[in-house]
């Protein structure tokens, strides 16, 4: 186990997620933090905090490429070596299902979705890649889960909460608010 001391803004971002859900029972917030600021650590820390506080929860972490799944997995394992984590990424040769935490590429998750636990929380690394179009793979996966769990909450992590030509990620679509922006 690697001992991590969160940076002040990582603490603020972590606390902002819990404050957001304490104040707003509905919504899907974004954590905006620059490249290199430790978003993978923030994601791992939040997954650990949620599951240790509420052990019956299921958490999914989605991203678009296997390399980011690997990096996020490594960070969670460094922070919490005994995490009940399954990894679903074809390019990593892994299709582990049935665990409380599932990290995966959106492509592999879409192919295995019927074999996965329906999450309560979805964490998205590189959230700026989630299109407002409801026919994208991200939206199809999230809509499938929302049909089975209307209380599902999605937390996006990105360095770029603004998309050229489309505006803020919170201007319609999936994400509703920016809970933290450094």
N, C-alpha and C. Protein backbone atom coordinates (compact mmCIF):
# COMPACT_ATOMS: atom_id res chain seq x y z
N UNK A 1 0.85 -1.18 0.00
CA UNK A 1 0.00 0.00 0.00
C UNK A 1 0.89 1.24 0.00
N UNK A 2 0.57 2.16 -0.89
CA UNK A 2 1.29 3.43 -0.97
C UNK A 2 0.54 4.45 -0.14
N UNK A 3 1.25 5.14 0.73
CA UNK A 3 0.61 6.17 1.56
C UNK A 3 0.52 7.46 0.76
N UNK A 4 -0.68 7.94 0.59
CA UNK A 4 -0.90 9.19 -0.13
C UNK A 4 -1.38 10.26 0.84
N UNK A 5 -0.84 11.43 0.69
CA UNK A 5 -1.34 12.59 1.39
C UNK A 5 -2.00 13.47 0.33
N UNK A 6 -3.31 13.61 0.40
CA UNK A 6 -3.98 14.40 -0.63
C UNK A 6 -3.49 15.85 -0.63
N UNK A 7 -3.40 16.39 -1.83
CA UNK A 7 -3.13 17.81 -1.96
C UNK A 7 -4.38 18.57 -1.56
N UNK A 8 -4.24 19.84 -1.19
CA UNK A 8 -5.38 20.61 -0.68
C UNK A 8 -6.54 20.61 -1.66
N UNK A 9 -6.27 20.74 -2.95
CA UNK A 9 -7.37 20.80 -3.92
C UNK A 9 -8.00 19.42 -4.14
N UNK A 10 -7.23 18.34 -3.92
CA UNK A 10 -7.82 17.01 -3.98
C UNK A 10 -8.78 16.80 -2.82
N UNK A 11 -8.41 17.30 -1.66
CA UNK A 11 -9.33 17.27 -0.51
C UNK A 11 -10.58 18.08 -0.80
N UNK A 12 -10.40 19.28 -1.34
CA UNK A 12 -11.55 20.13 -1.65
C UNK A 12 -12.47 19.46 -2.66
N UNK A 13 -11.90 18.86 -3.69
CA UNK A 13 -12.71 18.18 -4.71
C UNK A 13 -13.47 17.00 -4.09
N UNK A 14 -12.78 16.22 -3.27
CA UNK A 14 -13.39 15.07 -2.60
C UNK A 14 -14.58 15.52 -1.74
N UNK A 15 -14.34 16.53 -0.93
CA UNK A 15 -15.41 17.05 -0.06
C UNK A 15 -16.54 17.67 -0.87
N UNK A 16 -16.20 18.29 -2.00
CA UNK A 16 -17.22 18.92 -2.83
C UNK A 16 -18.23 17.91 -3.37
N UNK A 17 -17.78 16.69 -3.66
CA UNK A 17 -18.70 15.66 -4.15
C UNK A 17 -19.73 15.34 -3.07
N UNK A 18 -19.27 15.12 -1.85
CA UNK A 18 -20.19 14.79 -0.77
C UNK A 18 -21.10 15.97 -0.43
N UNK A 19 -20.55 17.18 -0.45
CA UNK A 19 -21.38 18.37 -0.21
C UNK A 19 -22.43 18.53 -1.31
N UNK A 20 -22.04 18.27 -2.53
CA UNK A 20 -22.97 18.37 -3.65
C UNK A 20 -24.17 17.46 -3.43
N UNK A 21 -23.90 16.20 -3.12
CA UNK A 21 -25.01 15.25 -2.94
C UNK A 21 -25.78 15.49 -1.64
N UNK A 22 -25.16 16.11 -0.66
CA UNK A 22 -25.89 16.48 0.57
C UNK A 22 -26.87 17.62 0.28
N UNK A 23 -26.48 18.51 -0.62
CA UNK A 23 -27.32 19.67 -0.93
C UNK A 23 -28.26 19.45 -2.11
N UNK A 24 -27.86 18.61 -3.05
CA UNK A 24 -28.67 18.35 -4.25
C UNK A 24 -28.84 16.85 -4.37
N UNK A 25 -30.03 16.37 -4.13
CA UNK A 25 -30.26 14.92 -4.16
C UNK A 25 -30.23 14.37 -5.58
N UNK A 26 -30.46 15.25 -6.55
CA UNK A 26 -30.44 14.82 -7.95
C UNK A 26 -29.35 15.60 -8.66
N UNK A 27 -28.91 15.07 -9.76
CA UNK A 27 -27.92 15.76 -10.56
C UNK A 27 -26.68 14.92 -10.76
N UNK A 28 -25.92 15.33 -11.74
CA UNK A 28 -24.69 14.64 -12.11
C UNK A 28 -23.58 15.68 -12.23
N UNK A 29 -22.74 15.78 -11.20
CA UNK A 29 -21.74 16.85 -11.16
C UNK A 29 -20.45 16.53 -11.92
N UNK A 30 -19.72 17.59 -12.16
CA UNK A 30 -18.39 17.50 -12.77
C UNK A 30 -17.37 18.01 -11.76
N UNK A 31 -16.23 17.32 -11.74
CA UNK A 31 -15.05 17.80 -11.03
C UNK A 31 -14.07 18.21 -12.12
N UNK A 32 -13.78 19.50 -12.18
CA UNK A 32 -12.85 20.02 -13.19
C UNK A 32 -11.51 20.29 -12.53
N UNK A 33 -10.49 19.63 -13.03
CA UNK A 33 -9.16 19.73 -12.44
C UNK A 33 -8.13 19.58 -13.56
N UNK A 34 -7.10 20.40 -13.57
CA UNK A 34 -6.15 20.39 -14.69
C UNK A 34 -5.43 19.05 -14.89
N UNK A 35 -4.95 18.88 -16.09
CA UNK A 35 -4.11 17.72 -16.41
C UNK A 35 -2.94 17.68 -15.43
N UNK A 36 -2.66 16.49 -14.91
CA UNK A 36 -1.55 16.32 -13.98
C UNK A 36 -1.88 16.61 -12.53
N UNK A 37 -3.14 16.89 -12.24
CA UNK A 37 -3.52 17.24 -10.87
C UNK A 37 -3.93 16.05 -10.01
N UNK A 38 -3.90 14.86 -10.59
CA UNK A 38 -4.20 13.67 -9.79
C UNK A 38 -5.66 13.24 -9.82
N UNK A 39 -6.30 13.36 -10.97
CA UNK A 39 -7.71 12.95 -11.06
C UNK A 39 -7.88 11.45 -10.81
N UNK A 40 -6.91 10.65 -11.21
CA UNK A 40 -7.02 9.20 -10.97
C UNK A 40 -6.98 8.90 -9.47
N UNK A 41 -6.18 9.64 -8.74
CA UNK A 41 -6.16 9.52 -7.29
C UNK A 41 -7.51 9.96 -6.72
N UNK A 42 -8.07 11.06 -7.25
CA UNK A 42 -9.37 11.54 -6.77
C UNK A 42 -10.45 10.50 -7.01
N UNK A 43 -10.42 9.88 -8.18
CA UNK A 43 -11.41 8.84 -8.52
C UNK A 43 -11.26 7.66 -7.57
N UNK A 44 -10.03 7.20 -7.38
CA UNK A 44 -9.77 6.05 -6.50
C UNK A 44 -10.21 6.35 -5.07
N UNK A 45 -9.86 7.52 -4.62
CA UNK A 45 -10.21 7.91 -3.24
C UNK A 45 -11.72 7.97 -3.04
N UNK A 46 -12.42 8.50 -4.04
CA UNK A 46 -13.88 8.57 -3.92
C UNK A 46 -14.50 7.18 -3.94
N UNK A 47 -14.03 6.32 -4.82
CA UNK A 47 -14.56 4.94 -4.86
C UNK A 47 -14.36 4.25 -3.52
N UNK A 48 -13.18 4.40 -2.96
CA UNK A 48 -12.90 3.79 -1.66
C UNK A 48 -13.81 4.37 -0.58
N UNK A 49 -13.94 5.68 -0.53
CA UNK A 49 -14.75 6.33 0.51
C UNK A 49 -16.21 5.90 0.41
N UNK A 50 -16.73 5.84 -0.79
CA UNK A 50 -18.14 5.45 -0.97
C UNK A 50 -18.36 4.02 -0.51
N UNK A 51 -17.51 3.12 -0.98
CA UNK A 51 -17.73 1.71 -0.67
C UNK A 51 -17.47 1.39 0.80
N UNK A 52 -16.54 2.08 1.43
CA UNK A 52 -16.30 1.84 2.85
C UNK A 52 -17.42 2.44 3.71
N UNK A 53 -18.00 3.53 3.25
CA UNK A 53 -19.09 4.16 4.00
C UNK A 53 -20.42 3.46 3.74
N UNK A 54 -20.65 3.04 2.50
CA UNK A 54 -21.89 2.38 2.10
C UNK A 54 -21.54 1.09 1.35
N UNK A 55 -21.26 0.00 2.07
CA UNK A 55 -20.75 -1.23 1.45
C UNK A 55 -21.69 -1.89 0.44
N UNK A 56 -22.96 -1.56 0.45
CA UNK A 56 -23.88 -2.20 -0.50
C UNK A 56 -23.91 -1.51 -1.86
N UNK A 57 -23.15 -0.45 -2.02
CA UNK A 57 -23.14 0.29 -3.29
C UNK A 57 -22.34 -0.45 -4.36
N UNK A 58 -22.71 -0.20 -5.60
CA UNK A 58 -21.94 -0.66 -6.75
C UNK A 58 -21.46 0.56 -7.50
N UNK A 59 -20.19 0.53 -7.88
CA UNK A 59 -19.55 1.67 -8.53
C UNK A 59 -18.96 1.20 -9.85
N UNK A 60 -19.15 2.01 -10.88
CA UNK A 60 -18.50 1.76 -12.17
C UNK A 60 -17.66 2.98 -12.51
N UNK A 61 -16.50 2.74 -13.09
CA UNK A 61 -15.66 3.81 -13.60
C UNK A 61 -15.49 3.53 -15.08
N UNK A 62 -15.89 4.49 -15.90
CA UNK A 62 -15.81 4.34 -17.35
C UNK A 62 -14.83 5.34 -17.94
N UNK A 63 -14.17 4.90 -18.98
CA UNK A 63 -13.36 5.79 -19.79
C UNK A 63 -13.29 5.20 -21.19
N UNK A 64 -12.64 5.89 -22.10
CA UNK A 64 -12.71 5.51 -23.50
C UNK A 64 -11.58 4.61 -24.00
N UNK A 65 -10.48 4.49 -23.26
CA UNK A 65 -9.35 3.66 -23.72
C UNK A 65 -8.80 2.79 -22.59
N UNK A 66 -8.26 1.65 -22.99
CA UNK A 66 -7.74 0.68 -22.03
C UNK A 66 -6.59 1.24 -21.20
N UNK A 67 -5.75 2.08 -21.78
CA UNK A 67 -4.62 2.62 -21.04
C UNK A 67 -5.08 3.42 -19.82
N UNK A 68 -6.17 4.17 -19.96
CA UNK A 68 -6.71 4.92 -18.82
C UNK A 68 -7.35 3.99 -17.80
N UNK A 69 -7.94 2.90 -18.25
CA UNK A 69 -8.47 1.90 -17.31
C UNK A 69 -7.31 1.33 -16.50
N UNK A 70 -6.23 1.01 -17.17
CA UNK A 70 -5.05 0.45 -16.49
C UNK A 70 -4.50 1.45 -15.47
N UNK A 71 -4.37 2.71 -15.86
CA UNK A 71 -3.85 3.73 -14.95
C UNK A 71 -4.77 3.91 -13.74
N UNK A 72 -6.08 3.96 -13.98
CA UNK A 72 -7.03 4.10 -12.88
C UNK A 72 -7.00 2.88 -11.97
N UNK A 73 -6.90 1.70 -12.57
CA UNK A 73 -6.83 0.46 -11.78
C UNK A 73 -5.58 0.46 -10.90
N UNK A 74 -4.45 0.82 -11.49
CA UNK A 74 -3.21 0.86 -10.72
C UNK A 74 -3.31 1.84 -9.55
N UNK A 75 -3.92 2.98 -9.79
CA UNK A 75 -4.05 3.99 -8.73
C UNK A 75 -4.95 3.47 -7.60
N UNK A 76 -6.07 2.82 -7.96
CA UNK A 76 -6.94 2.28 -6.92
C UNK A 76 -6.22 1.20 -6.14
N UNK A 77 -5.49 0.32 -6.82
CA UNK A 77 -4.75 -0.76 -6.14
C UNK A 77 -3.65 -0.21 -5.24
N UNK A 78 -3.01 0.90 -5.65
CA UNK A 78 -2.00 1.53 -4.79
C UNK A 78 -2.64 2.08 -3.52
N UNK A 79 -3.78 2.71 -3.70
CA UNK A 79 -4.47 3.34 -2.57
C UNK A 79 -5.16 2.30 -1.69
N UNK A 80 -5.77 1.29 -2.33
CA UNK A 80 -6.59 0.32 -1.62
C UNK A 80 -6.33 -1.07 -2.23
N UNK A 81 -5.28 -1.75 -1.80
CA UNK A 81 -4.88 -3.01 -2.43
C UNK A 81 -5.95 -4.10 -2.41
N UNK A 82 -6.84 -4.08 -1.42
CA UNK A 82 -7.84 -5.14 -1.31
C UNK A 82 -9.20 -4.71 -1.88
N UNK A 83 -9.21 -3.67 -2.68
CA UNK A 83 -10.48 -3.20 -3.26
C UNK A 83 -11.15 -4.32 -4.03
N UNK A 84 -12.46 -4.49 -3.87
CA UNK A 84 -13.20 -5.50 -4.63
C UNK A 84 -13.45 -5.01 -6.05
N UNK A 85 -12.41 -5.09 -6.86
CA UNK A 85 -12.39 -4.47 -8.18
C UNK A 85 -12.37 -5.48 -9.30
N UNK A 86 -13.27 -5.31 -10.24
CA UNK A 86 -13.25 -6.05 -11.49
C UNK A 86 -12.88 -5.10 -12.61
N UNK A 87 -12.12 -5.60 -13.57
CA UNK A 87 -11.69 -4.78 -14.70
C UNK A 87 -12.27 -5.37 -15.98
N UNK A 88 -12.86 -4.51 -16.77
CA UNK A 88 -13.46 -4.92 -18.05
C UNK A 88 -12.87 -4.07 -19.17
N UNK A 89 -11.87 -4.63 -19.82
CA UNK A 89 -11.23 -3.94 -20.94
C UNK A 89 -10.67 -5.01 -21.88
N UNK A 90 -11.27 -5.17 -23.05
CA UNK A 90 -10.83 -6.19 -24.00
C UNK A 90 -9.34 -6.09 -24.30
N UNK A 91 -8.84 -4.87 -24.49
CA UNK A 91 -7.43 -4.69 -24.86
C UNK A 91 -6.48 -5.06 -23.72
N UNK A 92 -7.00 -5.17 -22.51
CA UNK A 92 -6.19 -5.65 -21.38
C UNK A 92 -6.41 -7.14 -21.15
N UNK A 93 -7.32 -7.73 -21.91
CA UNK A 93 -7.63 -9.15 -21.77
C UNK A 93 -8.41 -9.47 -20.50
N UNK A 94 -9.16 -8.48 -19.99
CA UNK A 94 -9.88 -8.67 -18.74
C UNK A 94 -11.38 -8.41 -18.91
N UNK A 95 -12.15 -9.35 -18.38
CA UNK A 95 -13.61 -9.22 -18.37
C UNK A 95 -14.11 -9.75 -17.03
N UNK A 96 -13.80 -9.01 -15.96
CA UNK A 96 -14.13 -9.44 -14.60
C UNK A 96 -15.44 -8.78 -14.19
N UNK A 97 -16.43 -9.59 -13.90
CA UNK A 97 -17.75 -9.07 -13.56
C UNK A 97 -18.17 -9.53 -12.17
N UNK A 98 -19.23 -8.91 -11.66
CA UNK A 98 -19.83 -9.35 -10.40
C UNK A 98 -19.23 -8.76 -9.14
N UNK A 99 -18.32 -7.80 -9.27
CA UNK A 99 -17.71 -7.19 -8.09
C UNK A 99 -18.31 -5.80 -7.84
N UNK A 100 -18.23 -5.30 -6.61
CA UNK A 100 -18.84 -4.01 -6.28
C UNK A 100 -18.25 -2.82 -7.05
N UNK A 101 -16.99 -2.93 -7.46
CA UNK A 101 -16.36 -1.87 -8.25
C UNK A 101 -15.97 -2.47 -9.59
N UNK A 102 -16.34 -1.80 -10.67
CA UNK A 102 -15.96 -2.23 -12.00
C UNK A 102 -15.35 -1.05 -12.73
N UNK A 103 -14.11 -1.22 -13.18
CA UNK A 103 -13.44 -0.22 -14.01
C UNK A 103 -13.39 -0.78 -15.42
N UNK A 104 -13.74 0.02 -16.41
CA UNK A 104 -13.68 -0.50 -17.76
C UNK A 104 -13.80 0.54 -18.85
N UNK A 105 -13.50 0.06 -20.06
CA UNK A 105 -13.74 0.91 -21.22
C UNK A 105 -15.23 0.85 -21.53
N UNK A 106 -15.73 1.94 -22.03
CA UNK A 106 -17.15 2.00 -22.34
C UNK A 106 -17.52 0.95 -23.39
N UNK A 107 -16.60 0.63 -24.30
CA UNK A 107 -16.87 -0.37 -25.33
C UNK A 107 -17.06 -1.76 -24.71
N UNK A 108 -16.14 -2.16 -23.84
CA UNK A 108 -16.22 -3.48 -23.22
C UNK A 108 -17.41 -3.55 -22.26
N UNK A 109 -17.63 -2.48 -21.52
CA UNK A 109 -18.78 -2.44 -20.61
C UNK A 109 -20.08 -2.62 -21.40
N UNK A 110 -20.18 -1.95 -22.53
CA UNK A 110 -21.39 -2.08 -23.35
C UNK A 110 -21.61 -3.52 -23.78
N UNK A 111 -20.55 -4.22 -24.11
CA UNK A 111 -20.66 -5.61 -24.54
C UNK A 111 -21.00 -6.57 -23.40
N UNK A 112 -20.64 -6.20 -22.18
CA UNK A 112 -20.84 -7.08 -21.02
C UNK A 112 -21.95 -6.59 -20.10
N UNK A 113 -22.66 -5.56 -20.47
CA UNK A 113 -23.54 -4.85 -19.55
C UNK A 113 -24.55 -5.76 -18.84
N UNK A 114 -25.03 -6.77 -19.51
CA UNK A 114 -26.02 -7.65 -18.89
C UNK A 114 -25.40 -8.55 -17.81
N UNK A 115 -24.09 -8.61 -17.76
CA UNK A 115 -23.40 -9.44 -16.77
C UNK A 115 -22.84 -8.63 -15.61
N UNK A 116 -23.04 -7.33 -15.64
CA UNK A 116 -22.48 -6.45 -14.62
C UNK A 116 -23.52 -6.07 -13.59
N UNK A 117 -23.05 -5.78 -12.40
CA UNK A 117 -23.92 -5.20 -11.38
C UNK A 117 -24.37 -3.83 -11.88
N UNK A 118 -25.62 -3.50 -11.64
CA UNK A 118 -26.10 -2.17 -11.98
C UNK A 118 -25.54 -1.21 -10.93
N UNK A 119 -24.81 -0.20 -11.37
CA UNK A 119 -24.17 0.68 -10.39
C UNK A 119 -25.13 1.69 -9.77
N UNK A 120 -24.70 2.19 -8.62
CA UNK A 120 -25.36 3.32 -7.96
C UNK A 120 -24.65 4.61 -8.34
N UNK A 121 -23.34 4.48 -8.55
CA UNK A 121 -22.48 5.62 -8.90
C UNK A 121 -21.64 5.23 -10.11
N UNK A 122 -21.58 6.14 -11.08
CA UNK A 122 -20.68 5.97 -12.22
C UNK A 122 -19.70 7.14 -12.20
N UNK A 123 -18.44 6.81 -12.25
CA UNK A 123 -17.37 7.80 -12.32
C UNK A 123 -16.83 7.77 -13.75
N UNK A 124 -16.71 8.92 -14.38
CA UNK A 124 -16.23 8.97 -15.75
C UNK A 124 -14.95 9.79 -15.81
N UNK A 125 -13.87 9.13 -16.21
CA UNK A 125 -12.59 9.81 -16.43
C UNK A 125 -12.61 10.32 -17.87
N UNK A 126 -12.21 11.57 -18.06
CA UNK A 126 -12.27 12.24 -19.36
C UNK A 126 -13.73 12.50 -19.75
N UNK A 127 -14.47 13.07 -18.83
CA UNK A 127 -15.91 13.28 -19.00
C UNK A 127 -16.25 14.19 -20.17
N UNK A 128 -15.31 14.99 -20.63
CA UNK A 128 -15.57 15.86 -21.78
C UNK A 128 -15.84 15.06 -23.05
N UNK A 129 -15.54 13.76 -23.03
CA UNK A 129 -15.80 12.91 -24.20
C UNK A 129 -17.22 12.35 -24.22
N UNK A 130 -17.99 12.61 -23.17
CA UNK A 130 -19.39 12.17 -23.15
C UNK A 130 -20.20 13.18 -23.95
N UNK A 131 -20.72 12.74 -25.06
CA UNK A 131 -21.46 13.61 -25.97
C UNK A 131 -22.86 13.88 -25.44
N UNK A 132 -23.41 15.05 -25.76
CA UNK A 132 -24.81 15.29 -25.40
C UNK A 132 -25.78 14.46 -26.25
N UNK A 133 -25.28 13.88 -27.32
CA UNK A 133 -26.09 13.03 -28.20
C UNK A 133 -26.49 11.76 -27.44
N UNK A 134 -27.77 11.46 -27.41
CA UNK A 134 -28.22 10.31 -26.63
C UNK A 134 -28.06 8.97 -27.35
N UNK A 135 -27.44 8.97 -28.52
CA UNK A 135 -27.23 7.72 -29.24
C UNK A 135 -25.76 7.28 -29.23
N UNK A 136 -24.95 7.90 -28.40
CA UNK A 136 -23.55 7.48 -28.30
C UNK A 136 -23.44 6.28 -27.36
N UNK A 137 -22.31 5.62 -27.41
CA UNK A 137 -22.11 4.43 -26.56
C UNK A 137 -22.19 4.79 -25.08
N UNK A 138 -21.58 5.91 -24.68
CA UNK A 138 -21.69 6.32 -23.28
C UNK A 138 -23.15 6.46 -22.88
N UNK A 139 -23.91 7.16 -23.68
CA UNK A 139 -25.31 7.42 -23.32
C UNK A 139 -26.14 6.13 -23.35
N UNK A 140 -25.86 5.25 -24.28
CA UNK A 140 -26.60 3.98 -24.32
C UNK A 140 -26.33 3.16 -23.06
N UNK A 141 -25.07 3.11 -22.62
CA UNK A 141 -24.72 2.38 -21.38
C UNK A 141 -25.40 3.04 -20.19
N UNK A 142 -25.27 4.35 -20.08
CA UNK A 142 -25.85 5.06 -18.93
C UNK A 142 -27.37 4.97 -18.93
N UNK A 143 -27.99 5.07 -20.09
CA UNK A 143 -29.46 4.96 -20.16
C UNK A 143 -29.92 3.55 -19.77
N UNK A 144 -29.17 2.53 -20.17
CA UNK A 144 -29.49 1.15 -19.78
C UNK A 144 -29.49 1.04 -18.26
N UNK A 145 -28.45 1.58 -17.63
CA UNK A 145 -28.36 1.52 -16.17
C UNK A 145 -29.42 2.39 -15.51
N UNK A 146 -29.70 3.54 -16.08
CA UNK A 146 -30.73 4.42 -15.50
C UNK A 146 -32.12 3.77 -15.52
N UNK A 147 -32.39 2.99 -16.55
CA UNK A 147 -33.67 2.27 -16.59
C UNK A 147 -33.78 1.29 -15.43
N UNK A 148 -32.67 0.72 -15.01
CA UNK A 148 -32.66 -0.27 -13.94
C UNK A 148 -32.43 0.36 -12.57
N UNK A 149 -31.88 1.57 -12.55
CA UNK A 149 -31.65 2.29 -11.29
C UNK A 149 -31.85 3.79 -11.53
N UNK A 150 -33.08 4.27 -11.38
CA UNK A 150 -33.36 5.70 -11.61
C UNK A 150 -32.61 6.62 -10.65
N UNK A 151 -32.05 6.09 -9.58
CA UNK A 151 -31.29 6.91 -8.62
C UNK A 151 -29.80 6.98 -8.96
N UNK A 152 -29.41 6.37 -10.07
CA UNK A 152 -28.02 6.38 -10.51
C UNK A 152 -27.50 7.81 -10.60
N UNK A 153 -26.29 8.01 -10.10
CA UNK A 153 -25.63 9.31 -10.19
C UNK A 153 -24.31 9.14 -10.93
N UNK A 154 -24.02 10.12 -11.77
CA UNK A 154 -22.81 10.11 -12.59
C UNK A 154 -21.95 11.29 -12.18
N UNK A 155 -20.67 11.02 -11.95
CA UNK A 155 -19.71 12.06 -11.58
C UNK A 155 -18.63 12.08 -12.64
N UNK A 156 -18.49 13.20 -13.30
CA UNK A 156 -17.51 13.33 -14.37
C UNK A 156 -16.25 14.03 -13.89
N UNK A 157 -15.11 13.55 -14.34
CA UNK A 157 -13.82 14.15 -14.05
C UNK A 157 -13.20 14.59 -15.37
N UNK A 158 -12.80 15.84 -15.44
CA UNK A 158 -12.22 16.35 -16.68
C UNK A 158 -11.34 17.56 -16.40
N UNK A 159 -10.40 17.78 -17.31
CA UNK A 159 -9.61 19.01 -17.27
C UNK A 159 -10.28 20.09 -18.11
N UNK A 160 -11.24 19.68 -18.91
CA UNK A 160 -11.85 20.61 -19.87
C UNK A 160 -13.38 20.54 -19.82
N UNK A 161 -14.01 21.28 -18.91
CA UNK A 161 -15.47 21.23 -18.81
C UNK A 161 -16.18 22.02 -19.92
N UNK A 162 -15.40 22.53 -20.87
CA UNK A 162 -15.95 23.29 -21.98
C UNK A 162 -15.59 22.59 -23.28
N UNK A 163 -16.57 22.46 -24.18
CA UNK A 163 -16.36 21.85 -25.48
C UNK A 163 -16.56 22.89 -26.57
N UNK A 164 -15.56 23.07 -27.43
CA UNK A 164 -15.66 24.05 -28.51
C UNK A 164 -16.86 23.69 -29.40
N UNK A 165 -17.66 24.67 -29.69
CA UNK A 165 -18.82 24.47 -30.54
C UNK A 165 -20.06 24.02 -29.79
N UNK A 166 -19.89 23.51 -28.58
CA UNK A 166 -21.03 23.03 -27.80
C UNK A 166 -21.21 23.78 -26.49
N UNK A 167 -20.14 24.36 -25.98
CA UNK A 167 -20.24 25.09 -24.72
C UNK A 167 -19.89 24.23 -23.53
N UNK A 168 -20.37 24.65 -22.38
CA UNK A 168 -20.10 23.93 -21.13
C UNK A 168 -20.74 22.55 -21.15
N UNK A 169 -20.09 21.60 -20.51
CA UNK A 169 -20.64 20.24 -20.42
C UNK A 169 -21.96 20.23 -19.66
N UNK A 170 -22.20 21.27 -18.89
CA UNK A 170 -23.44 21.35 -18.10
C UNK A 170 -24.57 22.04 -18.87
N UNK A 171 -24.32 22.43 -20.11
CA UNK A 171 -25.36 23.07 -20.93
C UNK A 171 -26.18 22.01 -21.66
N UNK A 172 -27.02 21.33 -20.92
CA UNK A 172 -27.83 20.26 -21.52
C UNK A 172 -27.05 18.96 -21.53
N UNK A 173 -27.73 17.88 -21.70
CA UNK A 173 -27.05 16.59 -21.71
C UNK A 173 -26.99 15.98 -20.32
N UNK A 174 -25.99 15.20 -20.08
CA UNK A 174 -25.88 14.39 -18.88
C UNK A 174 -25.51 15.17 -17.62
N UNK A 175 -24.50 16.00 -17.71
CA UNK A 175 -23.97 16.67 -16.53
C UNK A 175 -24.77 17.92 -16.21
N UNK A 176 -25.05 18.11 -14.93
CA UNK A 176 -25.93 19.20 -14.51
C UNK A 176 -25.22 20.36 -13.84
N UNK A 177 -24.11 20.09 -13.17
CA UNK A 177 -23.45 21.12 -12.37
C UNK A 177 -21.95 20.87 -12.31
N UNK A 178 -21.22 21.91 -12.02
CA UNK A 178 -19.80 21.76 -11.69
C UNK A 178 -19.70 21.84 -10.17
N UNK A 179 -19.36 20.73 -9.56
CA UNK A 179 -19.26 20.67 -8.10
C UNK A 179 -17.93 21.26 -7.62
N UNK A 180 -16.92 21.17 -8.46
CA UNK A 180 -15.60 21.70 -8.09
C UNK A 180 -14.83 22.03 -9.34
N UNK A 181 -14.18 23.19 -9.34
CA UNK A 181 -13.37 23.61 -10.48
C UNK A 181 -12.15 24.34 -9.96
N UNK A 182 -11.00 23.73 -10.16
CA UNK A 182 -9.76 24.40 -9.79
C UNK A 182 -9.16 24.98 -11.04
